[in-house]
Amino acid sequence: MNRRSKHFDLVLTAFFLAILLLFASVPFLGFIPLGPINATTMHIPVIIASIVLGPRLGGFLGGCFGIISMIRSTVIVTPLSFVFSPFVAPIGAEHGSIQAVIIALVPRILIGIVPYYVYRALLKLTKQRYQPVLLFIAGTLGGLTNTILVMNGIYFLFQAQYAQLIGKSGSAVYTAINGIILTQGIPEALVAGIATSAIATVLLKLYQRKQ
């Protein structure tokens, strides 16, 4: 990679990070309250960055998303903040859990990795045709990566606390988890797919010219 490409990578990374900070700062833009958990658009810049800049910088920006989420959950406390912040205790507990760091960081880092490899694999399978469709698929799967991993992380790491919060028990807890994935996660993923297809198509052309 030549110096111009490295400079362009740095500029784009800073641009995506600025978007993440903007989304997190503006109410109802990056985090949208819907029931016990927030819908989000924060994953969209990370997905696009993953495809355009690669998994290393994509994973870095995903980690930034996770840290922003953790800070926000600590400062703006909601009934579900304990899931994303180790500094917030669940109802009835004296202190938070370090397991919240796993949910806050791991899915978000993977958002910056999964779309890149999905897109590259699809390019090979289709012999680099149908780029907008491939970007839509990669963006959609990137969005699903976030919701599926976060919600299943909540179930496996905070099942008892989450059950108490929503007033359910037993298999009804996982039914509620799947309900959120279907009603919230799929629309989020489709929006991410559309945005990725539209924006990454342009950015990839610019990136190729810079190289």
N, C-alpha and C. Protein backbone atom coordinates (compact mmCIF):
# COMPACT_ATOMS: atom_id res chain seq x y z
N MET A 1 0.85 -1.20 0.00
CA MET A 1 0.00 0.00 0.00
C MET A 1 0.89 1.24 0.00
N ASN A 2 0.62 2.18 -0.94
CA ASN A 2 1.44 3.37 -1.02
C ASN A 2 1.02 4.42 0.01
N ARG A 3 1.81 5.48 0.08
CA ARG A 3 1.57 6.50 1.09
C ARG A 3 0.20 7.15 0.91
N ARG A 4 -0.21 7.37 -0.35
CA ARG A 4 -1.50 7.99 -0.61
C ARG A 4 -2.63 7.11 -0.08
N SER A 5 -2.53 5.80 -0.29
CA SER A 5 -3.57 4.88 0.19
C SER A 5 -3.64 4.88 1.71
N LYS A 6 -2.47 4.89 2.37
CA LYS A 6 -2.44 4.93 3.83
C LYS A 6 -3.08 6.21 4.35
N HIS A 7 -2.79 7.31 3.69
CA HIS A 7 -3.37 8.59 4.10
C HIS A 7 -4.89 8.55 3.93
N PHE A 8 -5.34 7.99 2.82
CA PHE A 8 -6.78 7.90 2.56
C PHE A 8 -7.45 7.00 3.60
N ASP A 9 -6.79 5.91 3.98
CA ASP A 9 -7.32 5.03 5.04
C ASP A 9 -7.48 5.79 6.34
N LEU A 10 -6.47 6.58 6.68
CA LEU A 10 -6.51 7.35 7.93
C LEU A 10 -7.65 8.37 7.91
N VAL A 11 -7.80 9.04 6.77
CA VAL A 11 -8.86 10.05 6.64
C VAL A 11 -10.23 9.38 6.76
N LEU A 12 -10.42 8.25 6.08
CA LEU A 12 -11.71 7.56 6.13
C LEU A 12 -11.99 7.02 7.53
N THR A 13 -10.97 6.49 8.19
CA THR A 13 -11.16 5.98 9.55
C THR A 13 -11.59 7.11 10.49
N ALA A 14 -10.93 8.26 10.38
CA ALA A 14 -11.31 9.41 11.19
C ALA A 14 -12.72 9.87 10.86
N PHE A 15 -13.09 9.80 9.59
CA PHE A 15 -14.43 10.19 9.15
C PHE A 15 -15.49 9.27 9.77
N PHE A 16 -15.24 7.96 9.72
CA PHE A 16 -16.20 7.01 10.29
C PHE A 16 -16.29 7.16 11.81
N LEU A 17 -15.16 7.41 12.44
CA LEU A 17 -15.17 7.61 13.90
C LEU A 17 -15.97 8.86 14.26
N ALA A 18 -15.82 9.91 13.46
CA ALA A 18 -16.58 11.14 13.70
C ALA A 18 -18.08 10.87 13.56
N ILE A 19 -18.46 10.05 12.60
CA ILE A 19 -19.87 9.71 12.41
C ILE A 19 -20.39 8.94 13.64
N LEU A 20 -19.59 8.01 14.14
CA LEU A 20 -19.99 7.26 15.34
C LEU A 20 -20.23 8.21 16.52
N LEU A 21 -19.32 9.15 16.70
CA LEU A 21 -19.46 10.11 17.80
C LEU A 21 -20.68 11.00 17.61
N LEU A 22 -20.94 11.38 16.36
CA LEU A 22 -22.13 12.19 16.06
C LEU A 22 -23.40 11.40 16.36
N PHE A 23 -23.45 10.15 15.89
CA PHE A 23 -24.63 9.32 16.13
C PHE A 23 -24.88 9.13 17.62
N ALA A 24 -23.79 8.96 18.38
CA ALA A 24 -23.93 8.73 19.82
C ALA A 24 -24.35 9.99 20.55
N SER A 25 -24.02 11.16 20.00
CA SER A 25 -24.27 12.42 20.70
C SER A 25 -25.66 12.97 20.44
N VAL A 26 -26.21 12.68 19.25
CA VAL A 26 -27.51 13.23 18.89
C VAL A 26 -28.62 12.30 19.37
N PRO A 27 -29.53 12.78 20.19
CA PRO A 27 -30.62 11.92 20.70
C PRO A 27 -31.44 11.31 19.57
N PHE A 28 -31.77 10.04 19.73
CA PHE A 28 -32.62 9.30 18.79
C PHE A 28 -32.00 9.14 17.40
N LEU A 29 -30.69 9.32 17.29
CA LEU A 29 -30.03 9.11 16.00
C LEU A 29 -29.22 7.82 16.00
N GLY A 30 -28.32 7.68 16.97
CA GLY A 30 -27.53 6.46 17.06
C GLY A 30 -28.17 5.39 17.91
N PHE A 31 -28.87 5.81 18.96
CA PHE A 31 -29.56 4.88 19.86
C PHE A 31 -31.02 5.31 19.96
N ILE A 32 -31.92 4.41 19.57
CA ILE A 32 -33.34 4.73 19.52
C ILE A 32 -34.07 3.85 20.53
N PRO A 33 -34.60 4.41 21.63
CA PRO A 33 -35.26 3.59 22.65
C PRO A 33 -36.51 2.89 22.10
N LEU A 34 -36.51 1.56 22.21
CA LEU A 34 -37.66 0.75 21.81
C LEU A 34 -37.84 -0.35 22.85
N GLY A 35 -38.72 -0.13 23.79
CA GLY A 35 -38.93 -1.14 24.82
C GLY A 35 -37.73 -1.28 25.72
N PRO A 36 -37.37 -2.51 26.12
CA PRO A 36 -36.28 -2.71 27.07
C PRO A 36 -34.89 -2.49 26.48
N ILE A 37 -34.78 -2.44 25.15
CA ILE A 37 -33.45 -2.31 24.54
C ILE A 37 -33.51 -1.28 23.41
N ASN A 38 -32.38 -0.62 23.16
CA ASN A 38 -32.34 0.41 22.12
C ASN A 38 -32.12 -0.20 20.75
N ALA A 39 -32.84 0.32 19.76
CA ALA A 39 -32.46 0.08 18.37
C ALA A 39 -31.26 0.97 18.08
N THR A 40 -30.48 0.64 17.06
CA THR A 40 -29.27 1.42 16.80
C THR A 40 -29.01 1.55 15.31
N THR A 41 -28.36 2.65 14.97
CA THR A 41 -27.83 2.83 13.62
C THR A 41 -26.30 2.89 13.66
N MET A 42 -25.74 2.74 14.84
CA MET A 42 -24.29 2.86 15.03
C MET A 42 -23.51 1.79 14.26
N HIS A 43 -24.15 0.66 13.98
CA HIS A 43 -23.45 -0.41 13.30
C HIS A 43 -23.22 -0.12 11.82
N ILE A 44 -24.00 0.80 11.24
CA ILE A 44 -23.91 1.04 9.80
C ILE A 44 -22.53 1.58 9.38
N PRO A 45 -21.98 2.63 10.03
CA PRO A 45 -20.64 3.08 9.64
C PRO A 45 -19.58 2.00 9.83
N VAL A 46 -19.74 1.16 10.85
CA VAL A 46 -18.76 0.10 11.09
C VAL A 46 -18.80 -0.93 9.97
N ILE A 47 -19.99 -1.30 9.53
CA ILE A 47 -20.14 -2.27 8.44
C ILE A 47 -19.51 -1.74 7.16
N ILE A 48 -19.81 -0.49 6.84
CA ILE A 48 -19.26 0.10 5.62
C ILE A 48 -17.74 0.19 5.71
N ALA A 49 -17.24 0.59 6.86
CA ALA A 49 -15.79 0.67 7.06
C ALA A 49 -15.14 -0.69 6.91
N SER A 50 -15.78 -1.73 7.40
CA SER A 50 -15.25 -3.08 7.28
C SER A 50 -15.02 -3.46 5.83
N ILE A 51 -16.02 -3.17 4.99
CA ILE A 51 -15.94 -3.55 3.58
C ILE A 51 -14.93 -2.70 2.83
N VAL A 52 -14.91 -1.41 3.12
CA VAL A 52 -14.05 -0.49 2.37
C VAL A 52 -12.60 -0.52 2.87
N LEU A 53 -12.42 -0.54 4.19
CA LEU A 53 -11.08 -0.43 4.77
C LEU A 53 -10.48 -1.75 5.21
N GLY A 54 -11.29 -2.79 5.30
CA GLY A 54 -10.77 -4.09 5.71
C GLY A 54 -11.08 -4.41 7.16
N PRO A 55 -10.83 -5.67 7.56
CA PRO A 55 -11.22 -6.12 8.90
C PRO A 55 -10.43 -5.51 10.04
N ARG A 56 -9.20 -5.09 9.79
CA ARG A 56 -8.39 -4.52 10.88
C ARG A 56 -8.98 -3.18 11.34
N LEU A 57 -9.16 -2.26 10.39
CA LEU A 57 -9.73 -0.96 10.74
C LEU A 57 -11.22 -1.08 11.05
N GLY A 58 -11.89 -2.01 10.39
CA GLY A 58 -13.29 -2.25 10.70
C GLY A 58 -13.47 -2.75 12.12
N GLY A 59 -12.61 -3.68 12.52
CA GLY A 59 -12.65 -4.17 13.90
C GLY A 59 -12.33 -3.08 14.91
N PHE A 60 -11.38 -2.20 14.55
CA PHE A 60 -11.04 -1.08 15.43
C PHE A 60 -12.25 -0.17 15.64
N LEU A 61 -12.94 0.16 14.54
CA LEU A 61 -14.12 1.03 14.65
C LEU A 61 -15.26 0.32 15.37
N GLY A 62 -15.36 -0.99 15.18
CA GLY A 62 -16.34 -1.75 15.94
C GLY A 62 -16.05 -1.70 17.43
N GLY A 63 -14.77 -1.78 17.78
CA GLY A 63 -14.38 -1.65 19.18
C GLY A 63 -14.72 -0.26 19.72
N CYS A 64 -14.55 0.78 18.87
CA CYS A 64 -14.91 2.14 19.28
C CYS A 64 -16.41 2.22 19.54
N PHE A 65 -17.20 1.58 18.68
CA PHE A 65 -18.65 1.52 18.89
C PHE A 65 -18.96 0.88 20.24
N GLY A 66 -18.27 -0.21 20.55
CA GLY A 66 -18.50 -0.90 21.83
C GLY A 66 -18.14 -0.03 23.02
N ILE A 67 -17.02 0.69 22.93
CA ILE A 67 -16.61 1.57 24.03
C ILE A 67 -17.60 2.71 24.20
N ILE A 68 -18.04 3.29 23.08
CA ILE A 68 -19.05 4.35 23.15
C ILE A 68 -20.32 3.84 23.81
N SER A 69 -20.73 2.63 23.44
CA SER A 69 -21.93 2.02 24.02
C SER A 69 -21.75 1.82 25.53
N MET A 70 -20.57 1.39 25.93
CA MET A 70 -20.30 1.16 27.35
C MET A 70 -20.34 2.48 28.14
N ILE A 71 -19.71 3.51 27.58
CA ILE A 71 -19.71 4.82 28.25
C ILE A 71 -21.13 5.37 28.35
N ARG A 72 -21.86 5.26 27.27
CA ARG A 72 -23.23 5.78 27.25
C ARG A 72 -24.12 5.06 28.27
N SER A 73 -23.95 3.74 28.35
CA SER A 73 -24.75 2.97 29.30
C SER A 73 -24.39 3.30 30.74
N THR A 74 -23.16 3.74 30.96
CA THR A 74 -22.72 4.12 32.31
C THR A 74 -23.25 5.50 32.69
N VAL A 75 -23.26 6.40 31.72
CA VAL A 75 -23.66 7.79 31.99
C VAL A 75 -25.18 7.95 31.95
N ILE A 76 -25.80 7.33 30.93
CA ILE A 76 -27.27 7.41 30.79
C ILE A 76 -27.83 6.05 31.21
N VAL A 77 -28.18 5.93 32.47
CA VAL A 77 -28.57 4.63 33.02
C VAL A 77 -30.03 4.32 32.67
N THR A 78 -30.22 3.14 32.09
CA THR A 78 -31.55 2.62 31.78
C THR A 78 -31.68 1.26 32.48
N PRO A 79 -32.88 0.67 32.50
CA PRO A 79 -33.03 -0.63 33.16
C PRO A 79 -32.11 -1.72 32.60
N LEU A 80 -31.65 -1.55 31.35
CA LEU A 80 -30.81 -2.57 30.73
C LEU A 80 -29.34 -2.16 30.64
N SER A 81 -28.96 -1.07 31.27
CA SER A 81 -27.57 -0.60 31.19
C SER A 81 -26.57 -1.61 31.74
N PHE A 82 -26.99 -2.43 32.70
CA PHE A 82 -26.08 -3.39 33.30
C PHE A 82 -25.56 -4.41 32.30
N VAL A 83 -26.26 -4.56 31.19
CA VAL A 83 -25.84 -5.52 30.16
C VAL A 83 -24.61 -5.01 29.40
N PHE A 84 -24.48 -3.69 29.27
CA PHE A 84 -23.42 -3.10 28.47
C PHE A 84 -22.35 -2.39 29.29
N SER A 85 -22.60 -2.18 30.58
CA SER A 85 -21.63 -1.48 31.42
C SER A 85 -21.32 -2.28 32.68
N PRO A 86 -20.05 -2.55 32.93
CA PRO A 86 -19.68 -3.25 34.16
C PRO A 86 -19.79 -2.39 35.41
N PHE A 87 -20.10 -1.10 35.20
CA PHE A 87 -20.18 -0.16 36.33
C PHE A 87 -21.62 0.04 36.81
N VAL A 88 -22.57 -0.59 36.13
CA VAL A 88 -23.98 -0.46 36.50
C VAL A 88 -24.48 -1.81 37.01
N ALA A 89 -25.06 -1.82 38.19
CA ALA A 89 -25.54 -3.05 38.79
C ALA A 89 -26.97 -3.36 38.36
N PRO A 90 -27.28 -4.64 38.14
CA PRO A 90 -28.67 -5.01 37.86
C PRO A 90 -29.55 -4.72 39.08
N ILE A 91 -30.84 -4.73 38.87
CA ILE A 91 -31.78 -4.51 39.96
C ILE A 91 -31.58 -5.58 41.04
N GLY A 92 -31.39 -5.14 42.26
CA GLY A 92 -31.21 -6.06 43.37
C GLY A 92 -29.79 -6.50 43.62
N ALA A 93 -28.83 -6.08 42.75
CA ALA A 93 -27.42 -6.44 42.93
C ALA A 93 -26.64 -5.24 43.46
N GLU A 94 -25.49 -5.52 44.04
CA GLU A 94 -24.68 -4.45 44.63
C GLU A 94 -23.68 -3.86 43.64
N HIS A 95 -23.28 -4.63 42.65
CA HIS A 95 -22.29 -4.13 41.69
C HIS A 95 -22.53 -4.76 40.33
N GLY A 96 -21.91 -4.15 39.33
CA GLY A 96 -22.04 -4.66 37.97
C GLY A 96 -21.19 -5.88 37.72
N SER A 97 -21.25 -6.38 36.49
CA SER A 97 -20.51 -7.59 36.12
C SER A 97 -19.54 -7.30 34.98
N ILE A 98 -18.34 -7.87 35.07
CA ILE A 98 -17.34 -7.72 34.03
C ILE A 98 -17.80 -8.37 32.73
N GLN A 99 -18.79 -9.27 32.82
CA GLN A 99 -19.31 -9.92 31.61
C GLN A 99 -19.98 -8.93 30.67
N ALA A 100 -20.37 -7.77 31.20
CA ALA A 100 -20.97 -6.74 30.36
C ALA A 100 -19.98 -6.26 29.29
N VAL A 101 -18.69 -6.31 29.62
CA VAL A 101 -17.67 -5.90 28.65
C VAL A 101 -17.69 -6.81 27.43
N ILE A 102 -17.95 -8.09 27.65
CA ILE A 102 -18.02 -9.04 26.53
C ILE A 102 -19.14 -8.65 25.58
N ILE A 103 -20.32 -8.37 26.13
CA ILE A 103 -21.46 -8.03 25.28
C ILE A 103 -21.26 -6.67 24.61
N ALA A 104 -20.65 -5.74 25.31
CA ALA A 104 -20.43 -4.41 24.74
C ALA A 104 -19.40 -4.41 23.62
N LEU A 105 -18.37 -5.26 23.73
CA LEU A 105 -17.25 -5.20 22.79
C LEU A 105 -17.25 -6.28 21.71
N VAL A 106 -17.41 -7.54 22.10
CA VAL A 106 -17.20 -8.63 21.14
C VAL A 106 -18.13 -8.56 19.93
N PRO A 107 -19.45 -8.44 20.11
CA PRO A 107 -20.31 -8.35 18.91
C PRO A 107 -19.97 -7.15 18.04
N ARG A 108 -19.63 -6.03 18.67
CA ARG A 108 -19.36 -4.81 17.91
C ARG A 108 -18.05 -4.91 17.13
N ILE A 109 -17.04 -5.57 17.71
CA ILE A 109 -15.80 -5.80 16.97
C ILE A 109 -16.06 -6.69 15.77
N LEU A 110 -16.88 -7.71 15.96
CA LEU A 110 -17.19 -8.64 14.87
C LEU A 110 -18.00 -7.98 13.76
N ILE A 111 -18.76 -6.93 14.09
CA ILE A 111 -19.45 -6.17 13.04
C ILE A 111 -18.44 -5.61 12.05
N GLY A 112 -17.27 -5.27 12.53
CA GLY A 112 -16.24 -4.71 11.67
C GLY A 112 -15.40 -5.76 10.97
N ILE A 113 -15.67 -7.02 11.20
CA ILE A 113 -14.90 -8.10 10.58
C ILE A 113 -15.74 -8.96 9.64
N VAL A 114 -16.91 -9.37 10.12
CA VAL A 114 -17.77 -10.29 9.36
C VAL A 114 -18.14 -9.76 7.97
N PRO A 115 -18.62 -8.51 7.83
CA PRO A 115 -19.04 -8.05 6.50
C PRO A 115 -17.93 -8.10 5.45
N TYR A 116 -16.69 -7.82 5.87
CA TYR A 116 -15.57 -7.86 4.92
C TYR A 116 -15.42 -9.25 4.32
N TYR A 117 -15.40 -10.25 5.16
CA TYR A 117 -15.17 -11.61 4.66
C TYR A 117 -16.38 -12.15 3.90
N VAL A 118 -17.57 -11.75 4.32
CA VAL A 118 -18.77 -12.14 3.56
C VAL A 118 -18.72 -11.54 2.16
N TYR A 119 -18.40 -10.26 2.10
CA TYR A 119 -18.35 -9.58 0.80
C TYR A 119 -17.28 -10.19 -0.11
N ARG A 120 -16.11 -10.44 0.44
CA ARG A 120 -15.02 -11.02 -0.37
C ARG A 120 -15.36 -12.42 -0.85
N ALA A 121 -16.00 -13.21 0.00
CA ALA A 121 -16.40 -14.56 -0.40
C ALA A 121 -17.44 -14.51 -1.50
N LEU A 122 -18.39 -13.59 -1.39
CA LEU A 122 -19.42 -13.46 -2.42
C LEU A 122 -18.83 -12.96 -3.73
N LEU A 123 -17.84 -12.08 -3.67
CA LEU A 123 -17.17 -11.62 -4.89
C LEU A 123 -16.54 -12.78 -5.65
N LYS A 124 -15.91 -13.70 -4.91
CA LYS A 124 -15.29 -14.86 -5.55
C LYS A 124 -16.34 -15.78 -6.16
N LEU A 125 -17.44 -15.98 -5.45
CA LEU A 125 -18.49 -16.88 -5.93
C LEU A 125 -19.17 -16.34 -7.18
N THR A 126 -19.33 -15.03 -7.25
CA THR A 126 -20.06 -14.42 -8.37
C THR A 126 -19.11 -13.85 -9.44
N LYS A 127 -17.82 -14.06 -9.25
CA LYS A 127 -16.81 -13.55 -10.17
C LYS A 127 -16.91 -12.04 -10.33
N GLN A 128 -17.08 -11.37 -9.17
CA GLN A 128 -17.08 -9.92 -9.05
C GLN A 128 -18.21 -9.25 -9.83
N ARG A 129 -19.36 -9.91 -9.89
CA ARG A 129 -20.54 -9.32 -10.51
C ARG A 129 -21.59 -9.00 -9.43
N TYR A 130 -22.57 -8.19 -9.81
CA TYR A 130 -23.70 -7.86 -8.94
C TYR A 130 -23.23 -7.18 -7.64
N GLN A 131 -22.29 -6.25 -7.77
CA GLN A 131 -21.71 -5.63 -6.57
C GLN A 131 -22.74 -5.03 -5.62
N PRO A 132 -23.73 -4.24 -6.09
CA PRO A 132 -24.71 -3.67 -5.14
C PRO A 132 -25.47 -4.72 -4.35
N VAL A 133 -25.80 -5.83 -5.00
CA VAL A 133 -26.52 -6.92 -4.32
C VAL A 133 -25.62 -7.56 -3.27
N LEU A 134 -24.37 -7.77 -3.63
CA LEU A 134 -23.42 -8.38 -2.69
C LEU A 134 -23.19 -7.48 -1.48
N LEU A 135 -23.12 -6.20 -1.72
CA LEU A 135 -22.95 -5.25 -0.61
C LEU A 135 -24.18 -5.25 0.30
N PHE A 136 -25.35 -5.36 -0.31
CA PHE A 136 -26.58 -5.43 0.48
C PHE A 136 -26.57 -6.67 1.38
N ILE A 137 -26.17 -7.81 0.83
CA ILE A 137 -26.13 -9.05 1.61
C ILE A 137 -25.11 -8.93 2.74
N ALA A 138 -23.92 -8.42 2.42
CA ALA A 138 -22.88 -8.27 3.44
C ALA A 138 -23.31 -7.31 4.54
N GLY A 139 -23.96 -6.21 4.16
CA GLY A 139 -24.44 -5.25 5.14
C GLY A 139 -25.53 -5.82 6.02
N THR A 140 -26.43 -6.58 5.42
CA THR A 140 -27.51 -7.20 6.18
C THR A 140 -26.97 -8.20 7.19
N LEU A 141 -26.03 -9.03 6.76
CA LEU A 141 -25.44 -10.01 7.67
C LEU A 141 -24.62 -9.34 8.76
N GLY A 142 -24.00 -8.21 8.44
CA GLY A 142 -23.29 -7.45 9.47
C GLY A 142 -24.24 -6.94 10.53
N GLY A 143 -25.41 -6.45 10.10
CA GLY A 143 -26.41 -6.00 11.06
C GLY A 143 -26.94 -7.12 11.93
N LEU A 144 -27.17 -8.28 11.32
CA LEU A 144 -27.65 -9.43 12.07
C LEU A 144 -26.60 -9.93 13.05
N THR A 145 -25.33 -9.79 12.69
CA THR A 145 -24.25 -10.18 13.60
C THR A 145 -24.37 -9.45 14.92
N ASN A 146 -24.64 -8.15 14.84
CA ASN A 146 -24.77 -7.35 16.05
C ASN A 146 -25.95 -7.83 16.91
N THR A 147 -27.13 -7.87 16.32
CA THR A 147 -28.33 -8.19 17.11
C THR A 147 -28.30 -9.61 17.66
N ILE A 148 -27.94 -10.57 16.83
CA ILE A 148 -27.96 -11.97 17.26
C ILE A 148 -26.96 -12.21 18.39
N LEU A 149 -25.75 -11.67 18.25
CA LEU A 149 -24.73 -11.89 19.28
C LEU A 149 -25.05 -11.14 20.57
N VAL A 150 -25.55 -9.91 20.45
CA VAL A 150 -25.89 -9.15 21.65
C VAL A 150 -27.03 -9.83 22.40
N MET A 151 -28.10 -10.17 21.70
CA MET A 151 -29.27 -10.74 22.37
C MET A 151 -28.96 -12.13 22.94
N ASN A 152 -28.20 -12.93 22.23
CA ASN A 152 -27.84 -14.24 22.78
C ASN A 152 -26.84 -14.10 23.92
N GLY A 153 -25.98 -13.09 23.84
CA GLY A 153 -25.08 -12.81 24.97
C GLY A 153 -25.86 -12.45 26.21
N ILE A 154 -26.91 -11.65 26.04
CA ILE A 154 -27.77 -11.31 27.18
C ILE A 154 -28.39 -12.57 27.76
N TYR A 155 -28.85 -13.46 26.89
CA TYR A 155 -29.52 -14.67 27.37
C TYR A 155 -28.55 -15.57 28.14
N PHE A 156 -27.37 -15.78 27.62
CA PHE A 156 -26.44 -16.73 28.24
C PHE A 156 -25.68 -16.14 29.43
N LEU A 157 -25.46 -14.83 29.43
CA LEU A 157 -24.67 -14.22 30.50
C LEU A 157 -25.51 -13.52 31.56
N PHE A 158 -26.71 -13.07 31.18
CA PHE A 158 -27.55 -12.32 32.12
C PHE A 158 -28.99 -12.82 32.10
N GLN A 159 -29.15 -14.12 31.95
CA GLN A 159 -30.51 -14.65 31.80
C GLN A 159 -31.41 -14.33 32.99
N ALA A 160 -30.91 -14.57 34.20
CA ALA A 160 -31.73 -14.36 35.40
C ALA A 160 -32.10 -12.88 35.56
N GLN A 161 -31.13 -11.99 35.35
CA GLN A 161 -31.39 -10.56 35.50
C GLN A 161 -32.34 -10.05 34.41
N TYR A 162 -32.17 -10.55 33.20
CA TYR A 162 -33.04 -10.12 32.10
C TYR A 162 -34.46 -10.66 32.30
N ALA A 163 -34.56 -11.89 32.80
CA ALA A 163 -35.87 -12.48 33.08
C ALA A 163 -36.62 -11.65 34.12
N GLN A 164 -35.90 -11.22 35.14
CA GLN A 164 -36.52 -10.38 36.18
C GLN A 164 -36.97 -9.05 35.59
N LEU A 165 -36.17 -8.50 34.69
CA LEU A 165 -36.47 -7.21 34.10
C LEU A 165 -37.75 -7.25 33.26
N ILE A 166 -37.91 -8.31 32.46
CA ILE A 166 -39.06 -8.37 31.56
C ILE A 166 -40.24 -9.13 32.17
N GLY A 167 -40.04 -9.68 33.37
CA GLY A 167 -41.12 -10.37 34.05
C GLY A 167 -41.50 -11.69 33.45
N LYS A 168 -40.51 -12.42 32.92
CA LYS A 168 -40.77 -13.74 32.33
C LYS A 168 -39.79 -14.74 32.92
N SER A 169 -40.01 -16.03 32.64
CA SER A 169 -39.11 -17.06 33.14
C SER A 169 -39.12 -18.24 32.19
N GLY A 170 -38.12 -19.12 32.36
CA GLY A 170 -38.04 -20.34 31.57
C GLY A 170 -37.87 -20.06 30.08
N SER A 171 -38.56 -20.86 29.27
CA SER A 171 -38.44 -20.73 27.82
C SER A 171 -39.00 -19.42 27.30
N ALA A 172 -39.85 -18.77 28.09
CA ALA A 172 -40.42 -17.49 27.67
C ALA A 172 -39.36 -16.41 27.52
N VAL A 173 -38.25 -16.55 28.24
CA VAL A 173 -37.17 -15.57 28.14
C VAL A 173 -36.54 -15.63 26.74
N TYR A 174 -36.24 -16.85 26.28
CA TYR A 174 -35.62 -16.97 24.96
C TYR A 174 -36.61 -16.64 23.85
N THR A 175 -37.89 -16.89 24.11
CA THR A 175 -38.91 -16.48 23.15
C THR A 175 -38.92 -14.96 23.01
N ALA A 176 -38.76 -14.26 24.13
CA ALA A 176 -38.70 -12.80 24.10
C ALA A 176 -37.45 -12.33 23.36
N ILE A 177 -36.34 -13.04 23.58
CA ILE A 177 -35.08 -12.72 22.87
C ILE A 177 -35.28 -12.85 21.37
N ASN A 178 -35.86 -13.97 20.94
CA ASN A 178 -36.10 -14.20 19.51
C ASN A 178 -37.08 -13.18 18.94
N GLY A 179 -38.02 -12.76 19.77
CA GLY A 179 -38.97 -11.74 19.33
C GLY A 179 -38.28 -10.43 19.00
N ILE A 180 -37.30 -10.05 19.83
CA ILE A 180 -36.55 -8.82 19.57
C ILE A 180 -35.70 -8.96 18.32
N ILE A 181 -35.09 -10.14 18.13
CA ILE A 181 -34.27 -10.37 16.94
C ILE A 181 -35.13 -10.23 15.68
N LEU A 182 -36.34 -10.79 15.71
CA LEU A 182 -37.21 -10.76 14.53
C LEU A 182 -37.79 -9.37 14.28
N THR A 183 -38.30 -8.74 15.33
CA THR A 183 -39.02 -7.48 15.14
C THR A 183 -38.11 -6.26 15.07
N GLN A 184 -36.95 -6.35 15.72
CA GLN A 184 -36.04 -5.21 15.74
C GLN A 184 -34.76 -5.48 14.95
N GLY A 185 -34.20 -6.67 15.12
CA GLY A 185 -32.93 -6.99 14.48
C GLY A 185 -33.02 -7.08 12.97
N ILE A 186 -34.07 -7.70 12.45
CA ILE A 186 -34.19 -7.84 11.00
C ILE A 186 -34.40 -6.49 10.31
N PRO A 187 -35.31 -5.63 10.80
CA PRO A 187 -35.40 -4.30 10.18
C PRO A 187 -34.09 -3.51 10.25
N GLU A 188 -33.40 -3.58 11.39
CA GLU A 188 -32.09 -2.91 11.52
C GLU A 188 -31.13 -3.43 10.47
N ALA A 189 -31.11 -4.75 10.30
CA ALA A 189 -30.18 -5.36 9.35
C ALA A 189 -30.51 -4.96 7.91
N LEU A 190 -31.79 -4.90 7.58
CA LEU A 190 -32.19 -4.51 6.22
C LEU A 190 -31.82 -3.06 5.93
N VAL A 191 -32.01 -2.19 6.91
CA VAL A 191 -31.60 -0.79 6.75
C VAL A 191 -30.09 -0.71 6.55
N ALA A 192 -29.34 -1.51 7.33
CA ALA A 192 -27.88 -1.54 7.18
C ALA A 192 -27.49 -2.04 5.79
N GLY A 193 -28.21 -3.04 5.29
CA GLY A 193 -27.92 -3.56 3.96
C GLY A 193 -28.14 -2.52 2.88
N ILE A 194 -29.25 -1.80 2.96
CA ILE A 194 -29.55 -0.76 1.97
C ILE A 194 -28.50 0.35 2.02
N ALA A 195 -28.19 0.81 3.23
CA ALA A 195 -27.20 1.89 3.38
C ALA A 195 -25.83 1.44 2.89
N THR A 196 -25.46 0.21 3.20
CA THR A 196 -24.15 -0.32 2.78
C THR A 196 -24.06 -0.39 1.27
N SER A 197 -25.12 -0.88 0.64
CA SER A 197 -25.12 -0.98 -0.82
C SER A 197 -24.98 0.38 -1.48
N ALA A 198 -25.69 1.38 -0.95
CA ALA A 198 -25.66 2.71 -1.54
C ALA A 198 -24.34 3.44 -1.31
N ILE A 199 -23.84 3.38 -0.08
CA ILE A 199 -22.67 4.18 0.28
C ILE A 199 -21.36 3.48 -0.07
N ALA A 200 -21.28 2.19 0.22
CA ALA A 200 -20.02 1.47 -0.03
C ALA A 200 -19.71 1.38 -1.52
N THR A 201 -20.72 1.34 -2.37
CA THR A 201 -20.48 1.32 -3.81
C THR A 201 -19.67 2.54 -4.24
N VAL A 202 -20.05 3.70 -3.73
CA VAL A 202 -19.34 4.95 -4.06
C VAL A 202 -17.95 4.97 -3.44
N LEU A 203 -17.87 4.59 -2.17
CA LEU A 203 -16.58 4.65 -1.46
C LEU A 203 -15.57 3.66 -2.05
N LEU A 204 -16.03 2.49 -2.47
CA LEU A 204 -15.13 1.51 -3.08
C LEU A 204 -14.53 2.04 -4.38
N LYS A 205 -15.32 2.76 -5.17
CA LYS A 205 -14.80 3.35 -6.39
C LYS A 205 -13.74 4.40 -6.07
N LEU A 206 -14.02 5.24 -5.08
CA LEU A 206 -13.03 6.24 -4.67
C LEU A 206 -11.76 5.58 -4.15
N TYR A 207 -11.95 4.53 -3.38
CA TYR A 207 -10.80 3.84 -2.80
C TYR A 207 -9.92 3.22 -3.89
N GLN A 208 -10.55 2.64 -4.87
CA GLN A 208 -9.79 2.03 -5.99
C GLN A 208 -9.02 3.08 -6.76
N ARG A 209 -9.59 4.24 -6.93
CA ARG A 209 -8.89 5.33 -7.62
C ARG A 209 -7.68 5.79 -6.83
N LYS A 210 -7.82 5.87 -5.49
CA LYS A 210 -6.71 6.31 -4.66
C LYS A 210 -5.57 5.29 -4.69
N GLN A 211 -5.91 4.00 -4.85
CA GLN A 211 -4.86 2.99 -4.90
C GLN A 211 -4.16 2.97 -6.24
